[in-house]
């Protein structure tokens, strides 16, 4: 059975080849899980009010604070598999 990191990398590749574009809420979840899995907790400065997309991404990632890298990877894998 492939290890979690390998499955995560496969899900990353699969995410670029989805048959249809996910809705914005799902895209934010994909982004946040990727950042949590690869970087960890969000320590970046919150974007200003004029950067609505940046704020949405920042908030989605910040909502995962405390989630372990392995848990975030598994959630990412499960989400991409559900969209495939």
PDB file of N, CA and C in Angstrom:
ATOM      1  N   UNK A   1       0.846  -1.176   0.000  1.00  0.00           N
ATOM      2  CA  UNK A   1       0.000   0.000   0.000  1.00  0.00           C
ATOM      3  C   UNK A   1       0.897   1.246   0.000  1.00  0.00           C
ATOM      4  N   UNK A   2       0.616   2.162  -0.913  1.00  0.00           N
ATOM      5  CA  UNK A   2       1.485   3.343  -0.988  1.00  0.00           C
ATOM      6  C   UNK A   2       1.380   4.187   0.281  1.00  0.00           C
ATOM      7  N   UNK A   3       2.490   4.842   0.608  1.00  0.00           N
ATOM      8  CA  UNK A   3       2.461   5.667   1.815  1.00  0.00           C
ATOM      9  C   UNK A   3       1.674   6.950   1.569  1.00  0.00           C
ATOM     10  N   UNK A   4       1.374   7.648   2.657  1.00  0.00           N
ATOM     11  CA  UNK A   4       0.510   8.828   2.614  1.00  0.00           C
ATOM     12  C   UNK A   4       1.072   9.908   1.697  1.00  0.00           C
ATOM     13  N   UNK A   5       2.381  10.147   1.776  1.00  0.00           N
ATOM     14  CA  UNK A   5       3.019  11.191   0.956  1.00  0.00           C
ATOM     15  C   UNK A   5       2.853  10.882  -0.530  1.00  0.00           C
ATOM     16  N   UNK A   6       3.035   9.629  -0.914  1.00  0.00           N
ATOM     17  CA  UNK A   6       2.886   9.223  -2.311  1.00  0.00           C
ATOM     18  C   UNK A   6       1.444   9.400  -2.771  1.00  0.00           C
ATOM     19  N   UNK A   7       0.501   8.992  -1.922  1.00  0.00           N
ATOM     20  CA  UNK A   7      -0.915   9.158  -2.263  1.00  0.00           C
ATOM     21  C   UNK A   7      -1.277  10.634  -2.377  1.00  0.00           C
ATOM     22  N   UNK A   8      -0.685  11.477  -1.503  1.00  0.00           N
ATOM     23  CA  UNK A   8      -0.919  12.920  -1.550  1.00  0.00           C
ATOM     24  C   UNK A   8      -0.404  13.498  -2.867  1.00  0.00           C
ATOM     25  N   UNK A   9       0.792  13.100  -3.265  1.00  0.00           N
ATOM     26  CA  UNK A   9       1.365  13.588  -4.527  1.00  0.00           C
ATOM     27  C   UNK A   9       0.529  13.141  -5.718  1.00  0.00           C
ATOM     28  N   UNK A  10      -0.007  11.941  -5.661  1.00  0.00           N
ATOM     29  CA  UNK A  10      -0.888  11.456  -6.724  1.00  0.00           C
ATOM     30  C   UNK A  10      -2.170  12.284  -6.756  1.00  0.00           C
ATOM     31  N   UNK A  11      -2.730  12.588  -5.581  1.00  0.00           N
ATOM     32  CA  UNK A  11      -3.945  13.419  -5.506  1.00  0.00           C
ATOM     33  C   UNK A  11      -3.671  14.823  -6.033  1.00  0.00           C
ATOM     34  N   UNK A  12      -2.477  15.356  -5.767  1.00  0.00           N
ATOM     35  CA  UNK A  12      -2.105  16.673  -6.310  1.00  0.00           C
ATOM     36  C   UNK A  12      -2.164  16.657  -7.832  1.00  0.00           C
ATOM     37  N   UNK A  13      -1.586  15.626  -8.429  1.00  0.00           N
ATOM     38  CA  UNK A  13      -1.603  15.501  -9.889  1.00  0.00           C
ATOM     39  C   UNK A  13      -3.040  15.328 -10.389  1.00  0.00           C
ATOM     40  N   UNK A  14      -3.820  14.508  -9.685  1.00  0.00           N
ATOM     41  CA  UNK A  14      -5.207  14.265 -10.087  1.00  0.00           C
ATOM     42  C   UNK A  14      -6.053  15.536  -9.998  1.00  0.00           C
ATOM     43  N   UNK A  15      -5.724  16.416  -9.043  1.00  0.00           N
ATOM     44  CA  UNK A  15      -6.518  17.633  -8.859  1.00  0.00           C
ATOM     45  C   UNK A  15      -6.436  18.558 -10.067  1.00  0.00           C
ATOM     46  N   UNK A  16      -5.378  18.420 -10.840  1.00  0.00           N
ATOM     47  CA  UNK A  16      -5.214  19.262 -12.029  1.00  0.00           C
ATOM     48  C   UNK A  16      -5.966  18.708 -13.240  1.00  0.00           C
ATOM     49  N   UNK A  17      -6.494  17.506 -13.098  1.00  0.00           N
ATOM     50  CA  UNK A  17      -7.168  16.840 -14.215  1.00  0.00           C
ATOM     51  C   UNK A  17      -8.613  16.451 -13.901  1.00  0.00           C
ATOM     52  N   UNK A  18      -9.259  17.202 -13.027  1.00  0.00           N
ATOM     53  CA  UNK A  18     -10.658  16.911 -12.695  1.00  0.00           C
ATOM     54  C   UNK A  18     -11.531  17.156 -13.913  1.00  0.00           C
ATOM     55  N   UNK A  19     -12.572  16.349 -14.073  1.00  0.00           N
ATOM     56  CA  UNK A  19     -13.427  16.456 -15.258  1.00  0.00           C
ATOM     57  C   UNK A  19     -14.194  17.768 -15.301  1.00  0.00           C
ATOM     58  N   UNK A  20     -14.558  18.297 -14.123  1.00  0.00           N
ATOM     59  CA  UNK A  20     -15.200  19.612 -14.111  1.00  0.00           C
ATOM     60  C   UNK A  20     -14.675  20.424 -12.942  1.00  0.00           C
ATOM     61  N   UNK A  21     -14.694  21.749 -13.112  1.00  0.00           N
ATOM     62  CA  UNK A  21     -14.152  22.659 -12.100  1.00  0.00           C
ATOM     63  C   UNK A  21     -15.062  22.668 -10.873  1.00  0.00           C
ATOM     64  N   UNK A  22     -14.468  22.422  -9.693  1.00  0.00           N
ATOM     65  CA  UNK A  22     -15.273  22.455  -8.461  1.00  0.00           C
ATOM     66  C   UNK A  22     -15.785  23.871  -8.172  1.00  0.00           C
ATOM     67  N   UNK A  23     -16.820  23.955  -7.333  1.00  0.00           N
ATOM     68  CA  UNK A  23     -17.335  25.276  -6.956  1.00  0.00           C
ATOM     69  C   UNK A  23     -16.301  25.983  -6.070  1.00  0.00           C
ATOM     70  N   UNK A  24     -16.507  27.274  -5.854  1.00  0.00           N
ATOM     71  CA  UNK A  24     -15.524  28.083  -5.121  1.00  0.00           C
ATOM     72  C   UNK A  24     -15.288  27.589  -3.695  1.00  0.00           C
ATOM     73  N   UNK A  25     -16.327  27.154  -3.018  1.00  0.00           N
ATOM     74  CA  UNK A  25     -16.167  26.657  -1.647  1.00  0.00           C
ATOM     75  C   UNK A  25     -15.268  25.419  -1.623  1.00  0.00           C
ATOM     76  N   UNK A  26     -15.445  24.540  -2.610  1.00  0.00           N
ATOM     77  CA  UNK A  26     -14.619  23.338  -2.691  1.00  0.00           C
ATOM     78  C   UNK A  26     -13.184  23.699  -3.059  1.00  0.00           C
ATOM     79  N   UNK A  27     -13.028  24.663  -3.961  1.00  0.00           N
ATOM     80  CA  UNK A  27     -11.679  25.110  -4.323  1.00  0.00           C
ATOM     81  C   UNK A  27     -10.948  25.683  -3.108  1.00  0.00           C
ATOM     82  N   UNK A  28     -11.664  26.429  -2.274  1.00  0.00           N
ATOM     83  CA  UNK A  28     -11.049  26.966  -1.053  1.00  0.00           C
ATOM     84  C   UNK A  28     -10.626  25.842  -0.113  1.00  0.00           C
ATOM     85  N   UNK A  29     -11.465  24.813  -0.009  1.00  0.00           N
ATOM     86  CA  UNK A  29     -11.138  23.681   0.861  1.00  0.00           C
ATOM     87  C   UNK A  29      -9.900  22.943   0.328  1.00  0.00           C
ATOM     88  N   UNK A  30      -9.830  22.756  -0.994  1.00  0.00           N
ATOM     89  CA  UNK A  30      -8.666  22.115  -1.611  1.00  0.00           C
ATOM     90  C   UNK A  30      -7.403  22.928  -1.300  1.00  0.00           C
ATOM     91  N   UNK A  31      -7.501  24.241  -1.503  1.00  0.00           N
ATOM     92  CA  UNK A  31      -6.363  25.130  -1.236  1.00  0.00           C
ATOM     93  C   UNK A  31      -5.926  25.036   0.227  1.00  0.00           C
ATOM     94  N   UNK A  32      -6.884  25.154   1.131  1.00  0.00           N
ATOM     95  CA  UNK A  32      -6.571  25.165   2.561  1.00  0.00           C
ATOM     96  C   UNK A  32      -5.949  23.844   3.006  1.00  0.00           C
ATOM     97  N   UNK A  33      -6.501  22.738   2.546  1.00  0.00           N
ATOM     98  CA  UNK A  33      -5.944  21.430   2.918  1.00  0.00           C
ATOM     99  C   UNK A  33      -4.532  21.262   2.366  1.00  0.00           C
ATOM    100  N   UNK A  34      -4.308  21.729   1.136  1.00  0.00           N
ATOM    101  CA  UNK A  34      -2.967  21.660   0.554  1.00  0.00           C
ATOM    102  C   UNK A  34      -1.973  22.465   1.403  1.00  0.00           C
ATOM    103  N   UNK A  35      -2.345  23.704   1.746  1.00  0.00           N
ATOM    104  CA  UNK A  35      -1.453  24.556   2.526  1.00  0.00           C
ATOM    105  C   UNK A  35      -1.188  23.958   3.911  1.00  0.00           C
ATOM    106  N   UNK A  36      -2.230  23.438   4.555  1.00  0.00           N
ATOM    107  CA  UNK A  36      -2.067  22.851   5.884  1.00  0.00           C
ATOM    108  C   UNK A  36      -1.167  21.621   5.809  1.00  0.00           C
ATOM    109  N   UNK A  37      -1.342  20.809   4.770  1.00  0.00           N
ATOM    110  CA  UNK A  37      -0.546  19.592   4.618  1.00  0.00           C
ATOM    111  C   UNK A  37       0.913  19.911   4.301  1.00  0.00           C
ATOM    112  N   UNK A  38       1.146  20.927   3.480  1.00  0.00           N
ATOM    113  CA  UNK A  38       2.511  21.196   3.025  1.00  0.00           C
ATOM    114  C   UNK A  38       3.259  22.232   3.862  1.00  0.00           C
ATOM    115  N   UNK A  39       2.543  23.163   4.499  1.00  0.00           N
ATOM    116  CA  UNK A  39       3.197  24.242   5.256  1.00  0.00           C
ATOM    117  C   UNK A  39       2.934  24.126   6.759  1.00  0.00           C
ATOM    118  N   UNK A  40       1.729  23.728   7.119  1.00  0.00           N
ATOM    119  CA  UNK A  40       1.340  23.682   8.524  1.00  0.00           C
ATOM    120  C   UNK A  40       0.410  24.843   8.842  1.00  0.00           C
ATOM    121  N   UNK A  41       0.330  25.215  10.114  1.00  0.00           N
ATOM    122  CA  UNK A  41      -0.576  26.283  10.523  1.00  0.00           C
ATOM    123  C   UNK A  41      -0.255  27.600   9.825  1.00  0.00           C
ATOM    124  N   UNK A  42      -1.301  28.354   9.543  1.00  0.00           N
ATOM    125  CA  UNK A  42      -1.179  29.647   8.874  1.00  0.00           C
ATOM    126  C   UNK A  42      -0.626  30.681   9.848  1.00  0.00           C
ATOM    127  N   UNK A  43       0.559  31.203   9.523  1.00  0.00           N
ATOM    128  CA  UNK A  43       1.161  32.272  10.317  1.00  0.00           C
ATOM    129  C   UNK A  43       1.329  33.539   9.482  1.00  0.00           C
ATOM    130  N   UNK A  44       0.750  33.546   8.285  1.00  0.00           N
ATOM    131  CA  UNK A  44       0.838  34.702   7.399  1.00  0.00           C
ATOM    132  C   UNK A  44      -0.043  35.832   7.910  1.00  0.00           C
ATOM    133  N   UNK A  45       0.297  37.044   7.505  1.00  0.00           N
ATOM    134  CA  UNK A  45      -0.501  38.215   7.858  1.00  0.00           C
ATOM    135  C   UNK A  45      -1.804  38.184   7.053  1.00  0.00           C
ATOM    136  N   UNK A  46      -2.904  38.530   7.699  1.00  0.00           N
ATOM    137  CA  UNK A  46      -4.213  38.527   7.034  1.00  0.00           C
ATOM    138  C   UNK A  46      -4.244  39.627   5.970  1.00  0.00           C
ATOM    139  N   UNK A  47      -4.648  39.289   4.728  1.00  0.00           N
ATOM    140  CA  UNK A  47      -4.734  40.295   3.668  1.00  0.00           C
ATOM    141  C   UNK A  47      -5.770  41.373   3.983  1.00  0.00           C
ATOM    142  N   UNK A  48      -5.605  42.527   3.384  1.00  0.00           N
ATOM    143  CA  UNK A  48      -6.520  43.646   3.600  1.00  0.00           C
ATOM    144  C   UNK A  48      -7.882  43.412   2.975  1.00  0.00           C
ATOM    145  N   UNK A  49      -8.823  44.315   3.297  1.00  0.00           N
ATOM    146  CA  UNK A  49     -10.202  44.190   2.817  1.00  0.00           C
ATOM    147  C   UNK A  49     -10.300  44.220   1.298  1.00  0.00           C
ATOM    148  N   UNK A  50      -9.372  44.904   0.625  1.00  0.00           N
ATOM    149  CA  UNK A  50      -9.462  45.017  -0.834  1.00  0.00           C
ATOM    150  C   UNK A  50      -9.096  43.717  -1.542  1.00  0.00           C
ATOM    151  N   UNK A  51      -8.421  42.805  -0.834  1.00  0.00           N
ATOM    152  CA  UNK A  51      -8.020  41.517  -1.419  1.00  0.00           C
ATOM    153  C   UNK A  51      -8.994  40.435  -0.950  1.00  0.00           C
ATOM    154  N   UNK A  52     -10.173  40.409  -1.558  1.00  0.00           N
ATOM    155  CA  UNK A  52     -11.217  39.482  -1.099  1.00  0.00           C
ATOM    156  C   UNK A  52     -10.837  38.021  -1.321  1.00  0.00           C
ATOM    157  N   UNK A  53     -10.208  37.709  -2.443  1.00  0.00           N
ATOM    158  CA  UNK A  53      -9.797  36.325  -2.715  1.00  0.00           C
ATOM    159  C   UNK A  53      -8.716  35.900  -1.716  1.00  0.00           C
ATOM    160  N   UNK A  54      -7.745  36.772  -1.514  1.00  0.00           N
ATOM    161  CA  UNK A  54      -6.675  36.474  -0.559  1.00  0.00           C
ATOM    162  C   UNK A  54      -7.204  36.266   0.845  1.00  0.00           C
ATOM    163  N   UNK A  55      -8.186  37.089   1.246  1.00  0.00           N
ATOM    164  CA  UNK A  55      -8.791  36.945   2.577  1.00  0.00           C
ATOM    165  C   UNK A  55      -9.536  35.617   2.695  1.00  0.00           C
ATOM    166  N   UNK A  56     -10.260  35.250   1.654  1.00  0.00           N
ATOM    167  CA  UNK A  56     -11.009  33.984   1.687  1.00  0.00           C
ATOM    168  C   UNK A  56     -10.046  32.806   1.820  1.00  0.00           C
ATOM    169  N   UNK A  57      -8.949  32.839   1.072  1.00  0.00           N
ATOM    170  CA  UNK A  57      -7.955  31.771   1.152  1.00  0.00           C
ATOM    171  C   UNK A  57      -7.324  31.738   2.543  1.00  0.00           C
ATOM    172  N   UNK A  58      -6.974  32.923   3.065  1.00  0.00           N
ATOM    173  CA  UNK A  58      -6.345  33.015   4.377  1.00  0.00           C
ATOM    174  C   UNK A  58      -7.266  32.440   5.450  1.00  0.00           C
ATOM    175  N   UNK A  59      -8.545  32.822   5.393  1.00  0.00           N
ATOM    176  CA  UNK A  59      -9.507  32.347   6.395  1.00  0.00           C
ATOM    177  C   UNK A  59      -9.738  30.841   6.289  1.00  0.00           C
ATOM    178  N   UNK A  60      -9.828  30.323   5.063  1.00  0.00           N
ATOM    179  CA  UNK A  60     -10.029  28.878   4.883  1.00  0.00           C
ATOM    180  C   UNK A  60      -8.854  28.105   5.474  1.00  0.00           C
ATOM    181  N   UNK A  61      -7.643  28.599   5.227  1.00  0.00           N
ATOM    182  CA  UNK A  61      -6.450  27.936   5.756  1.00  0.00           C
ATOM    183  C   UNK A  61      -6.399  28.074   7.280  1.00  0.00           C
ATOM    184  N   UNK A  62      -6.682  29.258   7.797  1.00  0.00           N
ATOM    185  CA  UNK A  62      -6.638  29.490   9.243  1.00  0.00           C
ATOM    186  C   UNK A  62      -7.638  28.618   9.994  1.00  0.00           C
ATOM    187  N   UNK A  63      -8.757  28.286   9.353  1.00  0.00           N
ATOM    188  CA  UNK A  63      -9.763  27.434   9.988  1.00  0.00           C
ATOM    189  C   UNK A  63      -9.245  26.018  10.252  1.00  0.00           C
ATOM    190  N   UNK A  64      -8.155  25.649   9.608  1.00  0.00           N
ATOM    191  CA  UNK A  64      -7.586  24.311   9.792  1.00  0.00           C
ATOM    192  C   UNK A  64      -6.470  24.292  10.835  1.00  0.00           C
ATOM    193  N   UNK A  65      -6.262  25.418  11.517  1.00  0.00           N
ATOM    194  CA  UNK A  65      -5.185  25.520  12.506  1.00  0.00           C
ATOM    195  C   UNK A  65      -5.293  24.373  13.506  1.00  0.00           C
ATOM    196  N   UNK A  66      -4.169  23.727  13.754  1.00  0.00           N
ATOM    197  CA  UNK A  66      -4.133  22.610  14.691  1.00  0.00           C
ATOM    198  C   UNK A  66      -4.304  21.254  14.025  1.00  0.00           C
ATOM    199  N   UNK A  67      -4.717  21.249  12.753  1.00  0.00           N
ATOM    200  CA  UNK A  67      -4.846  19.984  12.015  1.00  0.00           C
ATOM    201  C   UNK A  67      -3.447  19.499  11.655  1.00  0.00           C
ATOM    202  N   UNK A  68      -3.148  18.251  11.929  1.00  0.00           N
ATOM    203  CA  UNK A  68      -1.813  17.736  11.619  1.00  0.00           C
ATOM    204  C   UNK A  68      -1.623  17.631  10.107  1.00  0.00           C
ATOM    205  N   UNK A  69      -0.380  17.635   9.714  1.00  0.00           N
ATOM    206  CA  UNK A  69      -0.042  17.523   8.294  1.00  0.00           C
ATOM    207  C   UNK A  69      -0.615  16.228   7.706  1.00  0.00           C
ATOM    208  N   UNK A  70      -0.483  15.127   8.446  1.00  0.00           N
ATOM    209  CA  UNK A  70      -0.986  13.839   7.960  1.00  0.00           C
ATOM    210  C   UNK A  70      -2.508  13.844   7.823  1.00  0.00           C
ATOM    211  N   UNK A  71      -3.201  14.443   8.796  1.00  0.00           N
ATOM    212  CA  UNK A  71      -4.664  14.527   8.702  1.00  0.00           C
ATOM    213  C   UNK A  71      -5.079  15.370   7.504  1.00  0.00           C
ATOM    214  N   UNK A  72      -4.387  16.487   7.294  1.00  0.00           N
ATOM    215  CA  UNK A  72      -4.703  17.355   6.159  1.00  0.00           C
ATOM    216  C   UNK A  72      -4.443  16.634   4.840  1.00  0.00           C
ATOM    217  N   UNK A  73      -3.349  15.876   4.778  1.00  0.00           N
ATOM    218  CA  UNK A  73      -3.060  15.102   3.555  1.00  0.00           C
ATOM    219  C   UNK A  73      -4.175  14.106   3.275  1.00  0.00           C
ATOM    220  N   UNK A  74      -4.602  13.381   4.314  1.00  0.00           N
ATOM    221  CA  UNK A  74      -5.647  12.374   4.125  1.00  0.00           C
ATOM    222  C   UNK A  74      -6.957  13.027   3.710  1.00  0.00           C
ATOM    223  N   UNK A  75      -7.306  14.158   4.319  1.00  0.00           N
ATOM    224  CA  UNK A  75      -8.528  14.862   3.921  1.00  0.00           C
ATOM    225  C   UNK A  75      -8.438  15.354   2.482  1.00  0.00           C
ATOM    226  N   UNK A  76      -7.265  15.830   2.084  1.00  0.00           N
ATOM    227  CA  UNK A  76      -7.046  16.282   0.708  1.00  0.00           C
ATOM    228  C   UNK A  76      -7.244  15.117  -0.257  1.00  0.00           C
ATOM    229  N   UNK A  77      -6.618  13.990   0.049  1.00  0.00           N
ATOM    230  CA  UNK A  77      -6.731  12.791  -0.792  1.00  0.00           C
ATOM    231  C   UNK A  77      -8.196  12.377  -0.919  1.00  0.00           C
ATOM    232  N   UNK A  78      -8.904  12.316   0.203  1.00  0.00           N
ATOM    233  CA  UNK A  78     -10.313  11.908   0.198  1.00  0.00           C
ATOM    234  C   UNK A  78     -11.166  12.872  -0.626  1.00  0.00           C
ATOM    235  N   UNK A  79     -10.894  14.166  -0.489  1.00  0.00           N
ATOM    236  CA  UNK A  79     -11.672  15.169  -1.235  1.00  0.00           C
ATOM    237  C   UNK A  79     -11.441  15.043  -2.738  1.00  0.00           C
ATOM    238  N   UNK A  80     -10.178  14.918  -3.142  1.00  0.00           N
ATOM    239  CA  UNK A  80      -9.876  14.800  -4.579  1.00  0.00           C
ATOM    240  C   UNK A  80     -10.477  13.512  -5.136  1.00  0.00           C
ATOM    241  N   UNK A  81     -10.394  12.416  -4.379  1.00  0.00           N
ATOM    242  CA  UNK A  81     -10.981  11.144  -4.838  1.00  0.00           C
ATOM    243  C   UNK A  81     -12.498  11.280  -5.000  1.00  0.00           C
ATOM    244  N   UNK A  82     -13.128  12.026  -4.104  1.00  0.00           N
ATOM    245  CA  UNK A  82     -14.598  12.201  -4.195  1.00  0.00           C
ATOM    246  C   UNK A  82     -14.987  13.043  -5.410  1.00  0.00           C
ATOM    247  N   UNK A  83     -14.064  13.883  -5.884  1.00  0.00           N
ATOM    248  CA  UNK A  83     -14.347  14.739  -7.042  1.00  0.00           C
ATOM    249  C   UNK A  83     -14.005  14.075  -8.370  1.00  0.00           C
ATOM    250  N   UNK A  84     -13.225  13.003  -8.299  1.00  0.00           N
ATOM    251  CA  UNK A  84     -12.773  12.336  -9.544  1.00  0.00           C
ATOM    252  C   UNK A  84     -13.851  11.451 -10.141  1.00  0.00           C
TER     253      UNK A  84
END
